Amino acid sequence: MIFMKKIIETEGMCCKKCAERAEKKLLLSDGVSGARANYKKGVILVETSLSDEALTSIVTEAGFSVKEVRERKGIFAR
């Protein structure tokens, strides 16, 4: 299984509890080894083997809109 680092841009995360809910939903999914949400920036950094469509579905189920899923390039990329 190959894990890639991806960035999920979201709408609707307004507080720390929202970010925690998104992280928990992702971390409970097979194919996700790490997730960190930043509600102030509206992004979730995820290490995953899942497709963009699967990630979008998981985040949508958690109650948030997904604007974009893209590969994270480099250590400081956003």
PDB file of N, CA and C in Angstrom:
ATOM      1  N   MET A   1       0.846  -1.175   0.000  1.00  0.00           N
ATOM      2  CA  MET A   1       0.000   0.000   0.000  1.00  0.00           C
ATOM      3  C   MET A   1       0.895   1.244   0.000  1.00  0.00           C
ATOM      4  N   ILE A   2       0.654   2.139  -0.919  1.00  0.00           N
ATOM      5  CA  ILE A   2       1.446   3.367  -1.019  1.00  0.00           C
ATOM      6  C   ILE A   2       0.649   4.523  -0.400  1.00  0.00           C
ATOM      7  N   PHE A   3       1.259   5.189   0.562  1.00  0.00           N
ATOM      8  CA  PHE A   3       0.618   6.329   1.208  1.00  0.00           C
ATOM      9  C   PHE A   3       1.160   7.623   0.611  1.00  0.00           C
ATOM     10  N   MET A   4       0.256   8.526   0.287  1.00  0.00           N
ATOM     11  CA  MET A   4       0.623   9.835  -0.247  1.00  0.00           C
ATOM     12  C   MET A   4       0.168  10.902   0.736  1.00  0.00           C
ATOM     13  N   LYS A   5       0.884  12.004   0.732  1.00  0.00           N
ATOM     14  CA  LYS A   5       0.467  13.148   1.547  1.00  0.00           C
ATOM     15  C   LYS A   5      -0.395  14.041   0.681  1.00  0.00           C
ATOM     16  N   LYS A   6      -1.586  14.352   1.192  1.00  0.00           N
ATOM     17  CA  LYS A   6      -2.531  15.179   0.445  1.00  0.00           C
ATOM     18  C   LYS A   6      -3.070  16.292   1.319  1.00  0.00           C
ATOM     19  N   ILE A   7      -3.577  17.316   0.652  1.00  0.00           N
ATOM     20  CA  ILE A   7      -4.217  18.448   1.315  1.00  0.00           C
ATOM     21  C   ILE A   7      -5.671  18.470   0.863  1.00  0.00           C
ATOM     22  N   ILE A   8      -6.575  18.531   1.840  1.00  0.00           N
ATOM     23  CA  ILE A   8      -7.996  18.653   1.539  1.00  0.00           C
ATOM     24  C   ILE A   8      -8.424  20.053   1.963  1.00  0.00           C
ATOM     25  N   GLU A   9      -8.851  20.867   1.001  1.00  0.00           N
ATOM     26  CA  GLU A   9      -9.365  22.201   1.318  1.00  0.00           C
ATOM     27  C   GLU A   9     -10.854  22.080   1.574  1.00  0.00           C
ATOM     28  N   THR A  10     -11.300  22.624   2.699  1.00  0.00           N
ATOM     29  CA  THR A  10     -12.694  22.459   3.111  1.00  0.00           C
ATOM     30  C   THR A  10     -13.381  23.794   3.361  1.00  0.00           C
ATOM     31  N   GLU A  11     -14.697  23.699   3.495  1.00  0.00           N
ATOM     32  CA  GLU A  11     -15.517  24.819   3.977  1.00  0.00           C
ATOM     33  C   GLU A  11     -16.397  24.271   5.087  1.00  0.00           C
ATOM     34  N   GLY A  12     -16.575  25.052   6.134  1.00  0.00           N
ATOM     35  CA  GLY A  12     -17.489  24.664   7.193  1.00  0.00           C
ATOM     36  C   GLY A  12     -16.840  24.301   8.513  1.00  0.00           C
ATOM     37  N   MET A  13     -15.520  24.178   8.554  1.00  0.00           N
ATOM     38  CA  MET A  13     -14.852  23.922   9.831  1.00  0.00           C
ATOM     39  C   MET A  13     -14.685  25.266  10.532  1.00  0.00           C
ATOM     40  N   CYS A  14     -15.406  25.441  11.632  1.00  0.00           N
ATOM     41  CA  CYS A  14     -15.384  26.759  12.267  1.00  0.00           C
ATOM     42  C   CYS A  14     -14.738  26.770  13.651  1.00  0.00           C
ATOM     43  N   CYS A  15     -14.407  25.573  14.175  1.00  0.00           N
ATOM     44  CA  CYS A  15     -13.839  25.541  15.522  1.00  0.00           C
ATOM     45  C   CYS A  15     -12.989  24.290  15.716  1.00  0.00           C
ATOM     46  N   LYS A  16     -12.373  24.192  16.877  1.00  0.00           N
ATOM     47  CA  LYS A  16     -11.512  23.056  17.188  1.00  0.00           C
ATOM     48  C   LYS A  16     -12.294  21.741  17.176  1.00  0.00           C
ATOM     49  N   LYS A  17     -13.524  21.760  17.668  1.00  0.00           N
ATOM     50  CA  LYS A  17     -14.359  20.547  17.685  1.00  0.00           C
ATOM     51  C   LYS A  17     -14.639  20.060  16.273  1.00  0.00           C
ATOM     52  N   CYS A  18     -14.876  20.991  15.347  1.00  0.00           N
ATOM     53  CA  CYS A  18     -15.090  20.619  13.942  1.00  0.00           C
ATOM     54  C   CYS A  18     -13.851  19.932  13.381  1.00  0.00           C
ATOM     55  N   ALA A  19     -12.693  20.516  13.650  1.00  0.00           N
ATOM     56  CA  ALA A  19     -11.439  19.949  13.160  1.00  0.00           C
ATOM     57  C   ALA A  19     -11.228  18.551  13.732  1.00  0.00           C
ATOM     58  N   GLU A  20     -11.515  18.379  15.006  1.00  0.00           N
ATOM     59  CA  GLU A  20     -11.369  17.071  15.643  1.00  0.00           C
ATOM     60  C   GLU A  20     -12.319  16.047  15.027  1.00  0.00           C
ATOM     61  N   ARG A  21     -13.540  16.464  14.710  1.00  0.00           N
ATOM     62  CA  ARG A  21     -14.516  15.563  14.093  1.00  0.00           C
ATOM     63  C   ARG A  21     -14.028  15.098  12.723  1.00  0.00           C
ATOM     64  N   ALA A  22     -13.490  16.016  11.931  1.00  0.00           N
ATOM     65  CA  ALA A  22     -12.968  15.667  10.605  1.00  0.00           C
ATOM     66  C   ALA A  22     -11.781  14.708  10.733  1.00  0.00           C
ATOM     67  N   GLU A  23     -10.858  14.998  11.651  1.00  0.00           N
ATOM     68  CA  GLU A  23      -9.704  14.126  11.866  1.00  0.00           C
ATOM     69  C   GLU A  23     -10.144  12.724  12.270  1.00  0.00           C
ATOM     70  N   LYS A  24     -11.068  12.647  13.229  1.00  0.00           N
ATOM     71  CA  LYS A  24     -11.522  11.347  13.739  1.00  0.00           C
ATOM     72  C   LYS A  24     -12.162  10.524  12.631  1.00  0.00           C
ATOM     73  N   LYS A  25     -13.008  11.161  11.829  1.00  0.00           N
ATOM     74  CA  LYS A  25     -13.688  10.455  10.740  1.00  0.00           C
ATOM     75  C   LYS A  25     -12.659   9.887   9.759  1.00  0.00           C
ATOM     76  N   LEU A  26     -11.647  10.664   9.424  1.00  0.00           N
ATOM     77  CA  LEU A  26     -10.607  10.198   8.507  1.00  0.00           C
ATOM     78  C   LEU A  26      -9.765   9.082   9.127  1.00  0.00           C
ATOM     79  N   LEU A  27      -9.360   9.260  10.386  1.00  0.00           N
ATOM     80  CA  LEU A  27      -8.489   8.285  11.035  1.00  0.00           C
ATOM     81  C   LEU A  27      -9.168   6.937  11.260  1.00  0.00           C
ATOM     82  N   LEU A  28     -10.494   6.921  11.316  1.00  0.00           N
ATOM     83  CA  LEU A  28     -11.236   5.671  11.478  1.00  0.00           C
ATOM     84  C   LEU A  28     -11.387   4.922  10.157  1.00  0.00           C
ATOM     85  N   SER A  29     -10.958   5.517   9.069  1.00  0.00           N
ATOM     86  CA  SER A  29     -11.080   4.907   7.743  1.00  0.00           C
ATOM     87  C   SER A  29      -9.842   4.088   7.413  1.00  0.00           C
ATOM     88  N   ASP A  30     -10.059   2.904   6.846  1.00  0.00           N
ATOM     89  CA  ASP A  30      -8.925   2.112   6.355  1.00  0.00           C
ATOM     90  C   ASP A  30      -8.270   2.881   5.225  1.00  0.00           C
ATOM     91  N   GLY A  31      -6.969   2.918   5.208  1.00  0.00           N
ATOM     92  CA  GLY A  31      -6.264   3.617   4.145  1.00  0.00           C
ATOM     93  C   GLY A  31      -5.821   5.016   4.537  1.00  0.00           C
ATOM     94  N   VAL A  32      -6.045   5.396   5.790  1.00  0.00           N
ATOM     95  CA  VAL A  32      -5.588   6.702   6.288  1.00  0.00           C
ATOM     96  C   VAL A  32      -4.673   6.449   7.478  1.00  0.00           C
ATOM     97  N   SER A  33      -3.420   6.884   7.376  1.00  0.00           N
ATOM     98  CA  SER A  33      -2.466   6.657   8.468  1.00  0.00           C
ATOM     99  C   SER A  33      -2.248   7.899   9.320  1.00  0.00           C
ATOM    100  N   GLY A  34      -2.707   9.054   8.844  1.00  0.00           N
ATOM    101  CA  GLY A  34      -2.557  10.278   9.617  1.00  0.00           C
ATOM    102  C   GLY A  34      -3.449  11.375   9.079  1.00  0.00           C
ATOM    103  N   ALA A  35      -3.941  12.224   9.981  1.00  0.00           N
ATOM    104  CA  ALA A  35      -4.783  13.351   9.569  1.00  0.00           C
ATOM    105  C   ALA A  35      -4.637  14.464  10.598  1.00  0.00           C
ATOM    106  N   ARG A  36      -4.458  15.677  10.109  1.00  0.00           N
ATOM    107  CA  ARG A  36      -4.390  16.853  10.974  1.00  0.00           C
ATOM    108  C   ARG A  36      -5.172  17.973  10.321  1.00  0.00           C
ATOM    109  N   ALA A  37      -6.211  18.427  11.012  1.00  0.00           N
ATOM    110  CA  ALA A  37      -7.072  19.484  10.478  1.00  0.00           C
ATOM    111  C   ALA A  37      -6.727  20.822  11.114  1.00  0.00           C
ATOM    112  N   ASN A  38      -6.777  21.883  10.311  1.00  0.00           N
ATOM    113  CA  ASN A  38      -6.569  23.246  10.774  1.00  0.00           C
ATOM    114  C   ASN A  38      -7.805  24.045  10.393  1.00  0.00           C
ATOM    115  N   TYR A  39      -8.688  24.275  11.364  1.00  0.00           N
ATOM    116  CA  TYR A  39      -9.950  24.954  11.058  1.00  0.00           C
ATOM    117  C   TYR A  39      -9.739  26.414  10.667  1.00  0.00           C
ATOM    118  N   LYS A  40      -8.686  27.059  11.166  1.00  0.00           N
ATOM    119  CA  LYS A  40      -8.443  28.460  10.815  1.00  0.00           C
ATOM    120  C   LYS A  40      -8.083  28.613   9.341  1.00  0.00           C
ATOM    121  N   LYS A  41      -7.346  27.639   8.796  1.00  0.00           N
ATOM    122  CA  LYS A  41      -6.966  27.677   7.381  1.00  0.00           C
ATOM    123  C   LYS A  41      -7.949  26.911   6.500  1.00  0.00           C
ATOM    124  N   GLY A  42      -8.805  26.095   7.129  1.00  0.00           N
ATOM    125  CA  GLY A  42      -9.773  25.320   6.367  1.00  0.00           C
ATOM    126  C   GLY A  42      -9.147  24.185   5.576  1.00  0.00           C
ATOM    127  N   VAL A  43      -8.091  23.596   6.133  1.00  0.00           N
ATOM    128  CA  VAL A  43      -7.418  22.503   5.432  1.00  0.00           C
ATOM    129  C   VAL A  43      -7.235  21.301   6.352  1.00  0.00           C
ATOM    130  N   ILE A  44      -7.141  20.143   5.716  1.00  0.00           N
ATOM    131  CA  ILE A  44      -6.812  18.911   6.425  1.00  0.00           C
ATOM    132  C   ILE A  44      -5.612  18.306   5.706  1.00  0.00           C
ATOM    133  N   LEU A  45      -4.549  18.056   6.446  1.00  0.00           N
ATOM    134  CA  LEU A  45      -3.379  17.373   5.909  1.00  0.00           C
ATOM    135  C   LEU A  45      -3.570  15.891   6.219  1.00  0.00           C
ATOM    136  N   VAL A  46      -3.455  15.067   5.213  1.00  0.00           N
ATOM    137  CA  VAL A  46      -3.741  13.649   5.398  1.00  0.00           C
ATOM    138  C   VAL A  46      -2.687  12.797   4.707  1.00  0.00           C
ATOM    139  N   GLU A  47      -2.348  11.684   5.341  1.00  0.00           N
ATOM    140  CA  GLU A  47      -1.464  10.693   4.730  1.00  0.00           C
ATOM    141  C   GLU A  47      -2.341   9.482   4.452  1.00  0.00           C
ATOM    142  N   THR A  48      -2.469   9.143   3.166  1.00  0.00           N
ATOM    143  CA  THR A  48      -3.489   8.182   2.781  1.00  0.00           C
ATOM    144  C   THR A  48      -3.136   7.404   1.521  1.00  0.00           C
ATOM    145  N   SER A  49      -3.799   6.278   1.365  1.00  0.00           N
ATOM    146  CA  SER A  49      -3.717   5.514   0.125  1.00  0.00           C
ATOM    147  C   SER A  49      -5.051   5.588  -0.622  1.00  0.00           C
ATOM    148  N   LEU A  50      -5.995   6.364  -0.093  1.00  0.00           N
ATOM    149  CA  LEU A  50      -7.330   6.476  -0.690  1.00  0.00           C
ATOM    150  C   LEU A  50      -7.351   7.449  -1.868  1.00  0.00           C
ATOM    151  N   SER A  51      -8.345   7.278  -2.723  1.00  0.00           N
ATOM    152  CA  SER A  51      -8.531   8.183  -3.859  1.00  0.00           C
ATOM    153  C   SER A  51      -9.086   9.523  -3.370  1.00  0.00           C
ATOM    154  N   ASP A  52      -8.971  10.526  -4.219  1.00  0.00           N
ATOM    155  CA  ASP A  52      -9.527  11.845  -3.889  1.00  0.00           C
ATOM    156  C   ASP A  52     -11.036  11.755  -3.673  1.00  0.00           C
ATOM    157  N   GLU A  53     -11.701  10.926  -4.474  1.00  0.00           N
ATOM    158  CA  GLU A  53     -13.152  10.763  -4.355  1.00  0.00           C
ATOM    159  C   GLU A  53     -13.523  10.160  -3.005  1.00  0.00           C
ATOM    160  N   ALA A  54     -12.761   9.167  -2.553  1.00  0.00           N
ATOM    161  CA  ALA A  54     -13.036   8.544  -1.259  1.00  0.00           C
ATOM    162  C   ALA A  54     -12.821   9.534  -0.120  1.00  0.00           C
ATOM    163  N   LEU A  55     -11.753  10.326  -0.203  1.00  0.00           N
ATOM    164  CA  LEU A  55     -11.493  11.344   0.819  1.00  0.00           C
ATOM    165  C   LEU A  55     -12.612  12.377   0.854  1.00  0.00           C
ATOM    166  N   THR A  56     -13.050  12.802  -0.317  1.00  0.00           N
ATOM    167  CA  THR A  56     -14.144  13.768  -0.405  1.00  0.00           C
ATOM    168  C   THR A  56     -15.391  13.215   0.259  1.00  0.00           C
ATOM    169  N   SER A  57     -15.695  11.963   0.007  1.00  0.00           N
ATOM    170  CA  SER A  57     -16.873  11.318   0.590  1.00  0.00           C
ATOM    171  C   SER A  57     -16.782  11.280   2.117  1.00  0.00           C
ATOM    172  N   ILE A  58     -15.635  10.926   2.649  1.00  0.00           N
ATOM    173  CA  ILE A  58     -15.447  10.850   4.104  1.00  0.00           C
ATOM    174  C   ILE A  58     -15.623  12.220   4.750  1.00  0.00           C
ATOM    175  N   VAL A  59     -15.007  13.241   4.172  1.00  0.00           N
ATOM    176  CA  VAL A  59     -15.085  14.589   4.741  1.00  0.00           C
ATOM    177  C   VAL A  59     -16.511  15.140   4.620  1.00  0.00           C
ATOM    178  N   THR A  60     -17.188  14.825   3.532  1.00  0.00           N
ATOM    179  CA  THR A  60     -18.576  15.247   3.356  1.00  0.00           C
ATOM    180  C   THR A  60     -19.468  14.585   4.406  1.00  0.00           C
ATOM    181  N   GLU A  61     -19.238  13.305   4.664  1.00  0.00           N
ATOM    182  CA  GLU A  61     -19.994  12.583   5.699  1.00  0.00           C
ATOM    183  C   GLU A  61     -19.775  13.195   7.080  1.00  0.00           C
ATOM    184  N   ALA A  62     -18.611  13.790   7.291  1.00  0.00           N
ATOM    185  CA  ALA A  62     -18.307  14.438   8.571  1.00  0.00           C
ATOM    186  C   ALA A  62     -19.008  15.791   8.686  1.00  0.00           C
ATOM    187  N   GLY A  63     -19.587  16.271   7.567  1.00  0.00           N
ATOM    188  CA  GLY A  63     -20.371  17.505   7.619  1.00  0.00           C
ATOM    189  C   GLY A  63     -19.721  18.724   6.992  1.00  0.00           C
ATOM    190  N   PHE A  64     -18.688  18.515   6.180  1.00  0.00           N
ATOM    191  CA  PHE A  64     -17.977  19.644   5.590  1.00  0.00           C
ATOM    192  C   PHE A  64     -17.962  19.548   4.073  1.00  0.00           C
ATOM    193  N   SER A  65     -17.891  20.692   3.418  1.00  0.00           N
ATOM    194  CA  SER A  65     -17.770  20.739   1.959  1.00  0.00           C
ATOM    195  C   SER A  65     -16.293  20.670   1.590  1.00  0.00           C
ATOM    196  N   VAL A  66     -16.013  19.986   0.495  1.00  0.00           N
ATOM    197  CA  VAL A  66     -14.646  19.881   0.009  1.00  0.00           C
ATOM    198  C   VAL A  66     -14.500  20.741  -1.237  1.00  0.00           C
ATOM    199  N   LYS A  67     -13.554  21.690  -1.183  1.00  0.00           N
ATOM    200  CA  LYS A  67     -13.283  22.545  -2.340  1.00  0.00           C
ATOM    201  C   LYS A  67     -12.284  21.898  -3.270  1.00  0.00           C
ATOM    202  N   GLU A  68     -11.271  21.234  -2.690  1.00  0.00           N
ATOM    203  CA  GLU A  68     -10.210  20.652  -3.515  1.00  0.00           C
ATOM    204  C   GLU A  68      -9.430  19.626  -2.711  1.00  0.00           C
ATOM    205  N   VAL A  69      -8.969  18.592  -3.403  1.00  0.00           N
ATOM    206  CA  VAL A  69      -8.023  17.630  -2.849  1.00  0.00           C
ATOM    207  C   VAL A  69      -6.817  17.646  -3.777  1.00  0.00           C
ATOM    208  N   ARG A  70      -5.630  17.832  -3.200  1.00  0.00           N
ATOM    209  CA  ARG A  70      -4.432  17.856  -4.041  1.00  0.00           C
ATOM    210  C   ARG A  70      -3.266  17.214  -3.299  1.00  0.00           C
ATOM    211  N   GLU A  71      -2.281  16.822  -4.072  1.00  0.00           N
ATOM    212  CA  GLU A  71      -1.079  16.229  -3.501  1.00  0.00           C
ATOM    213  C   GLU A  71      -0.282  17.304  -2.789  1.00  0.00           C
ATOM    214  N   ARG A  72       0.263  16.948  -1.655  1.00  0.00           N
ATOM    215  CA  ARG A  72       1.114  17.880  -0.903  1.00  0.00           C
ATOM    216  C   ARG A  72       2.531  17.713  -1.407  1.00  0.00           C
ATOM    217  N   LYS A  73       3.113  18.790  -1.880  1.00  0.00           N
ATOM    218  CA  LYS A  73       4.465  18.756  -2.438  1.00  0.00           C
ATOM    219  C   LYS A  73       5.429  19.466  -1.486  1.00  0.00           C
ATOM    220  N   GLY A  74       6.477  18.770  -1.112  1.00  0.00           N
ATOM    221  CA  GLY A  74       7.501  19.380  -0.262  1.00  0.00           C
ATOM    222  C   GLY A  74       7.091  19.476   1.187  1.00  0.00           C
ATOM    223  N   ILE A  75       8.040  19.773   2.019  1.00  0.00           N
ATOM    224  CA  ILE A  75       7.810  19.798   3.461  1.00  0.00           C
ATOM    225  C   ILE A  75       7.027  21.028   3.912  1.00  0.00           C
ATOM    226  N   PHE A  76       7.194  22.154   3.224  1.00  0.00           N
ATOM    227  CA  PHE A  76       6.514  23.377   3.648  1.00  0.00           C
ATOM    228  C   PHE A  76       5.358  23.745   2.741  1.00  0.00           C
ATOM    229  N   ALA A  77       5.003  22.874   1.820  1.00  0.00           N
ATOM    230  CA  ALA A  77       3.923  23.179   0.872  1.00  0.00           C
ATOM    231  C   ALA A  77       2.598  23.280   1.592  1.00  0.00           C
ATOM    232  N   ARG A  78       1.746  24.090   1.012  1.00  0.00           N
ATOM    233  CA  ARG A  78       0.415  24.232   1.572  1.00  0.00           C
ATOM    234  C   ARG A  78      -0.627  23.945   0.560  1.00  0.00           C
TER     235      ARG A  78
END
